[in-house]
Amino acid sequence: MLVLVAPGQGAQAPGFLTPWLELPGASDRIAAWSDAVGLDLAHYGTKADADEIRDTAVAQPLLVAAGLLSASALGDVAPDAVAGHSVGEFTAAVFAGVLEPTAALRLVRTRGLAMAEAAAVTETGMSALLGGDPEVSLAHLEKLGLTAANVNGAGQIVAAGTREQLAALGEDKPEGVRKVVPLKVAGAFHTHHMAPAVARLEEAATSLAPADPGVPYVSNRDGRTVATGAEVVSRLVGQVANPVRWDLCMETFKELGVTALVEVCPGGTLTGLAKRALPGVATLALKTPDDLDAARTLLAEAGSPAADAAGA
């Protein structure tokens, strides 16, 4: 049983798209998507520095484009379930057949711009807490006025709030937490700081004609599968200001009987969490095209027709 997952903001790195553009047809596809969203995705994915791609308005469409491009390189993947972390939910919505790629990217571009505007109101950010007891950490964050914006499972919680609040967290970690790591994001996402962006997304989403998911779509809101395209879009709009419960998504993967998990480019974050929270599940992260053959082998073992479709 295969689940295909897509990472969220913070997974990007300078030049990460470069090797993918060497694949047949990849440059043309990225160029078409760039025209659709008014952003030179090839430039940002190959030549831009870390600060440029940290920009929310750039990072989000870049990540979704990279995820879609890497998944298409696998061939006709037939996952048994799909999910994405934060903006990765838009990538997953395409995997599930809810949105067309261009429509998803246009909505993501609006999302990124709206969230960047909301983030500019107050200097905010996010930091990951590694280790510790979740209940102790949650209580400590509340004391500092911070929000648990991502509850990722495997001992990881992401706090979000003002820079002052995050600085206080760095100096006063919850008991048992090994390390507090600032994330490469430009705002307190999935908190009340993002409320202004929700209205922008609601308006943009009215032009969509979503289809119902063709495979189980596991939602960040509560880890439950979503049956209709309209509900998927509603959740995509609302998740901007609501916490990501990736821990509950992984619980649902367990319930569904997942045996293999493939994370699309730029993979690594979600497979890392799965290795700790889903023992016995085979995992693979697509980082470069060099990972494609191993992914196709894993897909074949999991019963997906992707390896045959890709000519492996």
Protein backbone atom coordinates (compact mmCIF):
# COMPACT_ATOMS: atom_id res chain seq x y z
CA MET A 1 0.00 0.00 0.00
CA LEU A 2 1.67 3.17 -1.26
CA VAL A 3 1.23 6.74 -0.03
CA LEU A 4 2.64 9.60 -2.11
CA VAL A 5 3.47 12.71 -0.08
CA ALA A 6 4.65 16.26 -0.82
CA PRO A 7 6.77 18.45 1.48
CA GLY A 8 6.01 21.98 2.62
CA GLN A 9 7.85 25.27 2.81
CA GLY A 10 11.35 25.08 4.23
CA ALA A 11 12.27 22.03 2.15
CA GLN A 12 13.67 24.20 -0.66
CA ALA A 13 17.40 24.77 -1.20
CA PRO A 14 19.33 26.85 -3.75
CA GLY A 15 19.66 25.07 -7.09
CA PHE A 16 17.50 22.09 -6.14
CA LEU A 17 15.54 22.21 -9.41
CA THR A 18 18.63 22.19 -11.65
CA PRO A 19 19.01 18.43 -12.30
CA TRP A 20 15.27 17.99 -12.84
CA LEU A 21 15.28 20.45 -15.73
CA GLU A 22 17.63 18.13 -17.64
CA LEU A 23 14.83 15.56 -18.03
CA PRO A 24 13.00 15.44 -21.38
CA GLY A 25 10.21 18.03 -21.54
CA ALA A 26 10.88 19.37 -18.05
CA SER A 27 12.05 22.82 -19.12
CA ASP A 28 9.01 23.29 -21.35
CA ARG A 29 6.65 22.31 -18.56
CA ILE A 30 8.30 24.66 -16.08
CA ALA A 31 8.23 27.46 -18.67
CA ALA A 32 4.50 26.99 -19.21
CA TRP A 33 3.83 27.03 -15.47
CA SER A 34 6.03 30.10 -15.10
CA ASP A 35 3.91 31.93 -17.67
CA ALA A 36 0.73 30.85 -15.90
CA VAL A 37 1.80 32.22 -12.50
CA GLY A 38 3.91 35.17 -13.63
CA LEU A 39 7.07 33.88 -11.96
CA ASP A 40 10.32 32.58 -13.47
CA LEU A 41 10.34 29.21 -11.74
CA ALA A 42 13.43 28.00 -13.62
CA HIS A 43 15.45 30.97 -12.40
CA TYR A 44 14.36 30.59 -8.79
CA GLY A 45 14.91 26.84 -8.83
CA THR A 46 18.39 27.01 -10.36
CA LYS A 47 20.10 30.39 -9.83
CA ALA A 48 18.41 32.13 -6.89
CA ASP A 49 20.08 32.20 -3.49
CA ALA A 50 18.62 31.04 -0.18
CA ASP A 51 17.18 34.44 0.72
CA GLU A 52 15.37 34.77 -2.61
CA ILE A 53 13.68 31.39 -2.35
CA ARG A 54 12.86 31.97 1.30
CA ASP A 55 10.33 34.55 0.07
CA THR A 56 6.93 32.99 0.68
CA ALA A 57 5.52 34.24 -2.62
CA VAL A 58 8.35 32.47 -4.46
CA ALA A 59 8.88 29.35 -2.35
CA GLN A 60 5.32 28.07 -2.47
CA PRO A 61 4.73 27.84 -6.24
CA LEU A 62 8.33 26.66 -6.67
CA LEU A 63 7.80 23.76 -4.26
CA VAL A 64 4.52 22.70 -5.84
CA ALA A 65 6.00 22.87 -9.35
CA ALA A 66 8.99 20.78 -8.26
CA GLY A 67 6.75 18.19 -6.62
CA LEU A 68 4.58 17.87 -9.71
CA LEU A 69 7.58 17.70 -12.03
CA SER A 70 9.31 14.96 -10.02
CA ALA A 71 6.13 12.90 -9.71
CA SER A 72 5.56 13.09 -13.47
CA ALA A 73 9.08 11.75 -14.00
CA LEU A 74 8.05 8.55 -12.21
CA GLY A 75 5.46 7.79 -14.87
CA ASP A 76 1.82 6.87 -14.31
CA VAL A 77 1.95 6.59 -10.51
CA ALA A 78 -1.10 5.01 -8.90
CA PRO A 79 -0.81 5.68 -5.14
CA ASP A 80 -3.28 4.23 -2.67
CA ALA A 81 -3.39 7.52 -0.76
CA VAL A 82 -1.91 11.02 -1.03
CA ALA A 83 -1.08 13.78 1.42
CA GLY A 84 1.01 16.93 1.62
CA HIS A 85 2.47 19.01 4.41
CA SER A 86 1.15 22.60 4.41
CA VAL A 87 1.57 23.94 0.84
CA GLY A 88 2.31 20.34 -0.15
CA GLU A 89 -1.43 19.74 0.20
CA PHE A 90 -1.86 21.58 -3.11
CA THR A 91 0.56 19.16 -4.75
CA ALA A 92 -1.38 16.28 -3.23
CA ALA A 93 -4.65 17.74 -4.54
CA VAL A 94 -3.23 17.42 -8.06
CA PHE A 95 -2.10 13.84 -7.34
CA ALA A 96 -5.66 13.03 -6.24
CA GLY A 97 -7.16 14.57 -9.38
CA VAL A 98 -8.95 17.33 -7.44
CA LEU A 99 -7.16 20.19 -9.25
CA GLU A 100 -5.39 20.55 -12.56
CA PRO A 101 -1.70 21.48 -12.22
CA THR A 102 -2.06 25.00 -13.63
CA ALA A 103 -5.12 25.76 -11.50
CA ALA A 104 -3.31 24.53 -8.39
CA LEU A 105 -0.23 26.62 -9.16
CA ARG A 106 -2.26 29.75 -9.75
CA LEU A 107 -4.05 29.29 -6.43
CA VAL A 108 -0.70 28.63 -4.72
CA ARG A 109 0.73 31.80 -6.23
CA THR A 110 -2.19 33.75 -4.75
CA ARG A 111 -1.65 31.95 -1.44
CA GLY A 112 2.03 32.82 -1.34
CA LEU A 113 1.44 36.49 -2.15
CA ALA A 114 -1.38 36.77 0.40
CA MET A 115 0.66 35.06 3.12
CA ALA A 116 3.68 37.24 2.37
CA GLU A 117 1.49 40.34 2.76
CA ALA A 118 0.09 39.02 6.04
CA ALA A 119 3.60 38.20 7.28
CA ALA A 120 4.77 41.74 6.51
CA VAL A 121 2.38 43.20 9.09
CA THR A 122 4.38 41.81 12.02
CA GLU A 123 7.86 40.26 12.06
CA THR A 124 7.12 36.62 12.70
CA GLY A 125 8.62 33.19 12.06
CA MET A 126 8.69 29.51 12.98
CA SER A 127 11.06 27.19 14.86
CA ALA A 128 11.13 23.41 15.18
CA LEU A 129 11.38 21.78 18.60
CA LEU A 130 13.29 18.51 18.49
CA GLY A 131 12.60 15.96 21.20
CA GLY A 132 10.76 16.38 24.47
CA ASP A 133 7.31 15.40 25.66
CA PRO A 134 4.58 16.88 23.42
CA GLU A 135 2.28 17.81 26.30
CA VAL A 136 5.09 19.55 28.18
CA SER A 137 6.15 21.41 25.02
CA LEU A 138 2.61 22.50 24.16
CA ALA A 139 2.08 23.93 27.63
CA HIS A 140 5.42 25.76 27.47
CA LEU A 141 4.59 27.27 24.07
CA GLU A 142 1.28 28.53 25.37
CA LYS A 143 3.06 30.17 28.31
CA LEU A 144 5.31 32.03 25.86
CA GLY A 145 2.38 33.11 23.69
CA LEU A 146 3.46 30.87 20.81
CA THR A 147 1.27 28.61 18.64
CA ALA A 148 1.99 24.96 17.87
CA ALA A 149 1.55 25.56 14.13
CA ASN A 150 2.77 22.10 13.09
CA VAL A 151 2.41 18.98 15.22
CA ASN A 152 4.51 16.67 13.08
CA GLY A 153 4.79 13.56 15.21
CA ALA A 154 8.04 11.66 15.79
CA GLY A 155 8.85 14.10 18.60
CA GLN A 156 8.69 17.25 16.47
CA ILE A 157 6.54 20.32 17.04
CA VAL A 158 6.91 23.60 15.14
CA ALA A 159 6.25 26.78 17.08
CA ALA A 160 5.14 30.00 15.40
CA GLY A 161 4.86 33.57 16.59
CA THR A 162 6.67 36.88 16.73
CA ARG A 163 10.45 37.10 16.53
CA GLU A 164 10.54 38.19 20.18
CA GLN A 165 8.51 35.16 21.25
CA LEU A 166 10.74 32.83 19.24
CA ALA A 167 13.86 34.42 20.74
CA ALA A 168 12.44 33.75 24.20
CA LEU A 169 11.84 30.12 23.20
CA GLY A 170 15.47 29.79 22.11
CA GLU A 171 16.62 30.97 25.52
CA ASP A 172 14.02 28.98 27.46
CA LYS A 173 13.42 25.58 25.83
CA PRO A 174 10.75 23.22 27.16
CA GLU A 175 12.07 20.52 29.45
CA GLY A 176 13.42 17.59 27.43
CA VAL A 177 13.70 19.46 24.13
CA ARG A 178 17.15 18.84 22.63
CA LYS A 179 17.23 21.70 20.18
CA VAL A 180 15.21 24.64 18.80
CA VAL A 181 15.84 25.11 15.05
CA PRO A 182 14.69 28.27 13.21
CA LEU A 183 12.99 27.37 9.91
CA LYS A 184 13.56 28.87 6.46
CA VAL A 185 10.14 30.52 6.32
CA ALA A 186 9.13 34.16 6.36
CA GLY A 187 6.16 34.22 8.69
CA ALA A 188 4.08 32.57 11.42
CA PHE A 189 2.15 30.29 9.10
CA HIS A 190 -0.88 28.33 10.28
CA THR A 191 -1.65 30.85 13.03
CA HIS A 192 -3.95 33.83 13.53
CA HIS A 193 -1.24 35.99 11.95
CA MET A 194 -2.31 34.55 8.57
CA ALA A 195 -6.03 35.34 8.92
CA PRO A 196 -5.93 38.14 6.27
CA ALA A 197 -4.74 35.62 3.68
CA VAL A 198 -7.78 33.39 4.14
CA ALA A 199 -10.16 35.94 2.63
CA ARG A 200 -7.90 36.32 -0.43
CA LEU A 201 -7.86 32.60 -0.97
CA GLU A 202 -11.61 32.25 -0.52
CA GLU A 203 -12.15 34.76 -3.31
CA ALA A 204 -9.61 33.11 -5.62
CA ALA A 205 -11.08 29.65 -5.01
CA THR A 206 -14.53 30.64 -6.29
CA SER A 207 -13.31 30.24 -9.89
CA LEU A 208 -12.25 26.61 -9.37
CA ALA A 209 -14.17 23.53 -10.47
CA PRO A 210 -12.64 20.82 -8.28
CA ALA A 211 -13.21 17.13 -8.96
CA ASP A 212 -13.72 14.61 -6.20
CA PRO A 213 -10.52 12.81 -5.13
CA GLY A 214 -9.73 9.71 -7.17
CA VAL A 215 -7.72 8.25 -4.27
CA PRO A 216 -7.92 8.85 -0.51
CA TYR A 217 -6.75 12.41 0.25
CA VAL A 218 -5.50 12.71 3.83
CA SER A 219 -6.03 16.20 5.26
CA ASN A 220 -3.69 18.22 7.48
CA ARG A 221 -6.62 19.54 9.49
CA ASP A 222 -7.41 16.32 11.33
CA GLY A 223 -5.70 13.47 9.50
CA ARG A 224 -9.00 12.31 8.02
CA THR A 225 -9.62 11.40 4.40
CA VAL A 226 -11.76 13.85 2.44
CA ALA A 227 -14.46 12.61 0.07
CA THR A 228 -15.30 15.64 -2.09
CA GLY A 229 -13.33 18.14 -4.12
CA ALA A 230 -15.29 21.02 -2.65
CA GLU A 231 -14.26 19.99 0.86
CA VAL A 232 -10.62 19.59 -0.20
CA VAL A 233 -10.59 23.18 -1.53
CA SER A 234 -12.36 24.47 1.58
CA ARG A 235 -9.66 22.87 3.71
CA LEU A 236 -6.89 24.23 1.49
CA VAL A 237 -8.24 27.73 2.06
CA GLY A 238 -8.65 27.35 5.81
CA GLN A 239 -5.34 25.60 6.53
CA VAL A 240 -3.41 28.84 6.01
CA ALA A 241 -4.50 29.97 9.48
CA ASN A 242 -4.96 26.53 11.11
CA PRO A 243 -2.35 24.16 12.57
CA VAL A 244 -0.93 21.31 10.49
CA ARG A 245 -1.53 17.95 12.17
CA TRP A 246 0.93 15.75 10.31
CA ASP A 247 1.00 13.45 13.31
CA LEU A 248 -2.65 12.60 12.66
CA CYS A 249 -1.95 12.12 8.95
CA MET A 250 0.65 9.48 9.82
CA GLU A 251 -1.81 7.81 12.18
CA THR A 252 -4.20 7.52 9.24
CA PHE A 253 -1.44 6.05 7.09
CA LYS A 254 -1.07 3.34 9.75
CA GLU A 255 -4.80 2.69 9.76
CA LEU A 256 -4.82 2.41 5.97
CA GLY A 257 -2.04 -0.17 6.18
CA VAL A 258 0.69 1.76 4.40
CA THR A 259 3.75 -0.31 3.48
CA ALA A 260 5.64 2.24 1.35
CA LEU A 261 5.94 6.04 1.33
CA VAL A 262 7.48 8.11 -1.48
CA GLU A 263 8.13 11.82 -0.95
CA VAL A 264 8.37 13.98 -4.06
CA CYS A 265 11.04 16.62 -4.65
CA PRO A 266 12.50 18.26 -2.62
CA GLY A 267 12.11 15.18 -0.46
CA GLY A 268 13.65 14.34 2.87
CA THR A 269 11.63 16.01 5.61
CA LEU A 270 8.56 13.77 5.55
CA THR A 271 10.50 10.58 4.98
CA GLY A 272 12.59 11.48 8.02
CA LEU A 273 9.46 11.78 10.13
CA ALA A 274 8.07 8.53 8.71
CA LYS A 275 11.22 6.59 9.54
CA ARG A 276 10.72 7.46 13.20
CA ALA A 277 6.92 7.28 13.40
CA LEU A 278 6.16 4.47 10.94
CA PRO A 279 8.65 1.67 11.65
CA GLY A 280 8.60 -1.07 9.05
CA VAL A 281 7.33 1.23 6.28
CA ALA A 282 9.68 1.49 3.29
CA THR A 283 10.46 5.15 2.53
CA LEU A 284 12.12 6.99 -0.32
CA ALA A 285 12.72 10.70 -0.92
CA LEU A 286 13.05 12.13 -4.42
CA LYS A 287 15.93 14.60 -4.14
CA THR A 288 17.42 14.34 -7.63
CA PRO A 289 16.60 12.30 -10.75
CA ASP A 290 19.21 9.80 -9.54
CA ASP A 291 16.56 8.64 -7.06
CA LEU A 292 14.01 7.74 -9.76
CA ASP A 293 15.17 4.17 -10.39
CA ALA A 294 15.06 3.31 -6.70
CA ALA A 295 11.62 4.91 -6.44
CA ARG A 296 10.33 2.87 -9.38
CA THR A 297 11.65 -0.30 -7.76
CA LEU A 298 9.88 0.58 -4.53
CA LEU A 299 6.68 1.39 -6.42
CA ALA A 300 6.82 -1.95 -8.21
CA GLU A 301 7.27 -3.77 -4.90
CA ALA A 302 4.31 -1.83 -3.48
CA GLY A 303 2.13 -2.90 -6.40
CA SER A 304 2.01 0.42 -8.29
CA PRO A 305 2.01 0.25 -12.12
CA ALA A 306 4.37 3.26 -12.22
CA ALA A 307 7.49 1.20 -12.89
CA ASP A 308 5.95 -0.42 -15.96
CA ALA A 309 4.52 2.90 -17.18
CA ALA A 310 7.90 4.57 -16.78
CA GLY A 311 9.64 1.82 -18.74
CA ALA A 312 11.66 0.57 -15.80
